[in-house]
Amino acid sequence: MKTYLAKVGEIKPECLLFDASEMPVGRLAVRIANALRGKDKPTYTPHIDTGAFVIVINASKAVFTGHKNERKVYVDFSGFRGGRTETTAEKVR
């Protein structure tokens, strides 16, 4: 049995549509990442871009489970002294 390796000319990019309404953010992120890399296809080849173009609709309706909306913190650092800023997920959304 031979291992299949995709070639550049054989790959036909496709466009995938994801509906994010009432879907947990983490699970949606994993599905999108796998589609972008092409790991959801049987023709996945690590050294060739076999991924698809991704369109996400209703992204504002995606949900955080539990208390992540209030407790999840995004940290940004400018590189200067006192340049650390923290923003909750609720403010970012």
C-alpha atoms as a PDB file:
ATOM      1  CA  MET A   1       0.000   0.000   0.000  1.00  0.00           C
ATOM      2  CA  LYS A   2       1.486   3.336  -1.056  1.00  0.00           C
ATOM      3  CA  THR A   3       1.217   6.560   0.895  1.00  0.00           C
ATOM      4  CA  TYR A   4      -0.605   9.290  -1.008  1.00  0.00           C
ATOM      5  CA  LEU A   5       1.123  12.673  -1.220  1.00  0.00           C
ATOM      6  CA  ALA A   6      -0.761  15.511  -2.849  1.00  0.00           C
ATOM      7  CA  LYS A   7       0.938  17.549  -5.547  1.00  0.00           C
ATOM      8  CA  VAL A   8       0.540  21.294  -6.052  1.00  0.00           C
ATOM      9  CA  GLY A   9      -1.408  20.986  -9.312  1.00  0.00           C
ATOM     10  CA  GLU A  10      -3.864  18.436  -7.922  1.00  0.00           C
ATOM     11  CA  ILE A  11      -5.211  20.642  -5.141  1.00  0.00           C
ATOM     12  CA  LYS A  12      -8.442  22.503  -5.874  1.00  0.00           C
ATOM     13  CA  PRO A  13      -9.205  25.018  -3.121  1.00  0.00           C
ATOM     14  CA  GLU A  14     -12.762  25.097  -1.899  1.00  0.00           C
ATOM     15  CA  CYS A  15     -14.753  27.531   0.206  1.00  0.00           C
ATOM     16  CA  LEU A  16     -16.327  26.390   3.489  1.00  0.00           C
ATOM     17  CA  LEU A  17     -19.108  28.199   5.337  1.00  0.00           C
ATOM     18  CA  PHE A  18     -19.340  27.950   9.144  1.00  0.00           C
ATOM     19  CA  ASP A  19     -22.368  29.107  11.125  1.00  0.00           C
ATOM     20  CA  ALA A  20     -21.195  30.202  14.571  1.00  0.00           C
ATOM     21  CA  SER A  21     -24.594  30.830  16.147  1.00  0.00           C
ATOM     22  CA  GLU A  22     -24.947  29.138  19.555  1.00  0.00           C
ATOM     23  CA  MET A  23     -21.633  27.301  19.097  1.00  0.00           C
ATOM     24  CA  PRO A  24     -18.880  27.308  21.754  1.00  0.00           C
ATOM     25  CA  VAL A  25     -15.926  29.462  20.685  1.00  0.00           C
ATOM     26  CA  GLY A  26     -13.278  26.799  21.343  1.00  0.00           C
ATOM     27  CA  ARG A  27     -14.979  24.091  19.311  1.00  0.00           C
ATOM     28  CA  LEU A  28     -15.552  26.524  16.476  1.00  0.00           C
ATOM     29  CA  ALA A  29     -11.876  27.534  16.534  1.00  0.00           C
ATOM     30  CA  VAL A  30     -10.734  23.910  16.269  1.00  0.00           C
ATOM     31  CA  ARG A  31     -13.030  23.204  13.313  1.00  0.00           C
ATOM     32  CA  ILE A  32     -11.869  26.351  11.510  1.00  0.00           C
ATOM     33  CA  ALA A  33      -8.177  25.626  12.171  1.00  0.00           C
ATOM     34  CA  ASN A  34      -8.500  22.079  10.830  1.00  0.00           C
ATOM     35  CA  ALA A  35     -10.276  23.350   7.711  1.00  0.00           C
ATOM     36  CA  LEU A  36      -7.616  26.014   7.084  1.00  0.00           C
ATOM     37  CA  ARG A  37      -4.795  23.456   7.361  1.00  0.00           C
ATOM     38  CA  GLY A  38      -6.665  20.804   5.397  1.00  0.00           C
ATOM     39  CA  LYS A  39      -6.558  18.213   8.184  1.00  0.00           C
ATOM     40  CA  ASP A  40     -10.246  17.469   7.679  1.00  0.00           C
ATOM     41  CA  LYS A  41      -9.558  16.004   4.216  1.00  0.00           C
ATOM     42  CA  PRO A  42      -8.178  12.572   3.351  1.00  0.00           C
ATOM     43  CA  THR A  43      -5.691  14.267   0.976  1.00  0.00           C
ATOM     44  CA  TYR A  44      -3.894  16.109   3.814  1.00  0.00           C
ATOM     45  CA  THR A  45      -0.202  16.590   3.087  1.00  0.00           C
ATOM     46  CA  PRO A  46       1.854  18.489   5.685  1.00  0.00           C
ATOM     47  CA  HIS A  47       4.169  20.339   3.300  1.00  0.00           C
ATOM     48  CA  ILE A  48       1.459  21.524   0.860  1.00  0.00           C
ATOM     49  CA  ASP A  49      -1.427  23.903   1.503  1.00  0.00           C
ATOM     50  CA  THR A  50      -4.428  21.596   1.117  1.00  0.00           C
ATOM     51  CA  GLY A  51      -6.716  23.820   3.185  1.00  0.00           C
ATOM     52  CA  ALA A  52      -9.876  25.633   2.233  1.00  0.00           C
ATOM     53  CA  PHE A  53     -11.044  29.225   2.338  1.00  0.00           C
ATOM     54  CA  VAL A  54     -13.247  29.784   5.390  1.00  0.00           C
ATOM     55  CA  ILE A  55     -16.220  32.116   5.825  1.00  0.00           C
ATOM     56  CA  VAL A  56     -17.799  32.488   9.282  1.00  0.00           C
ATOM     57  CA  ILE A  57     -21.313  33.873   9.628  1.00  0.00           C
ATOM     58  CA  ASN A  58     -23.085  34.883  12.851  1.00  0.00           C
ATOM     59  CA  ALA A  59     -19.754  35.218  14.681  1.00  0.00           C
ATOM     60  CA  SER A  60     -21.322  37.629  17.175  1.00  0.00           C
ATOM     61  CA  LYS A  61     -23.693  34.840  18.294  1.00  0.00           C
ATOM     62  CA  ALA A  62     -20.905  32.438  19.315  1.00  0.00           C
ATOM     63  CA  VAL A  63     -20.965  31.670  23.029  1.00  0.00           C
ATOM     64  CA  PHE A  64     -18.429  31.255  25.808  1.00  0.00           C
ATOM     65  CA  THR A  65     -19.339  28.432  28.192  1.00  0.00           C
ATOM     66  CA  GLY A  66     -19.273  28.864  31.936  1.00  0.00           C
ATOM     67  CA  HIS A  67     -17.941  32.147  33.340  1.00  0.00           C
ATOM     68  CA  LYS A  68     -15.398  32.746  30.570  1.00  0.00           C
ATOM     69  CA  ASN A  69     -17.157  35.902  29.415  1.00  0.00           C
ATOM     70  CA  GLU A  70     -16.309  37.650  32.714  1.00  0.00           C
ATOM     71  CA  ARG A  71     -13.142  35.802  33.805  1.00  0.00           C
ATOM     72  CA  LYS A  72     -11.229  35.309  30.546  1.00  0.00           C
ATOM     73  CA  VAL A  73      -8.587  38.025  30.245  1.00  0.00           C
ATOM     74  CA  TYR A  74      -6.646  39.073  27.160  1.00  0.00           C
ATOM     75  CA  VAL A  75      -3.249  40.578  28.029  1.00  0.00           C
ATOM     76  CA  ASP A  76      -1.357  43.002  25.784  1.00  0.00           C
ATOM     77  CA  PHE A  77       2.135  44.315  26.429  1.00  0.00           C
ATOM     78  CA  SER A  78       3.595  47.289  24.582  1.00  0.00           C
ATOM     79  CA  GLY A  79       7.178  46.608  25.630  1.00  0.00           C
ATOM     80  CA  PHE A  80       7.465  49.709  27.814  1.00  0.00           C
ATOM     81  CA  ARG A  81       7.362  49.891  31.586  1.00  0.00           C
ATOM     82  CA  GLY A  82       3.736  49.919  32.720  1.00  0.00           C
ATOM     83  CA  GLY A  83       2.590  48.999  29.221  1.00  0.00           C
ATOM     84  CA  ARG A  84       0.590  45.929  30.226  1.00  0.00           C
ATOM     85  CA  THR A  85      -3.147  46.154  29.589  1.00  0.00           C
ATOM     86  CA  GLU A  86      -5.754  43.582  30.504  1.00  0.00           C
ATOM     87  CA  THR A  87      -9.138  43.359  28.783  1.00  0.00           C
ATOM     88  CA  THR A  88     -11.952  40.932  29.583  1.00  0.00           C
ATOM     89  CA  ALA A  89     -13.615  38.876  26.877  1.00  0.00           C
ATOM     90  CA  GLU A  90     -16.851  40.739  27.495  1.00  0.00           C
ATOM     91  CA  LYS A  91     -15.239  44.063  26.494  1.00  0.00           C
ATOM     92  CA  VAL A  92     -13.484  42.551  23.486  1.00  0.00           C
ATOM     93  CA  ARG A  93     -16.726  41.151  22.128  1.00  0.00           C
END
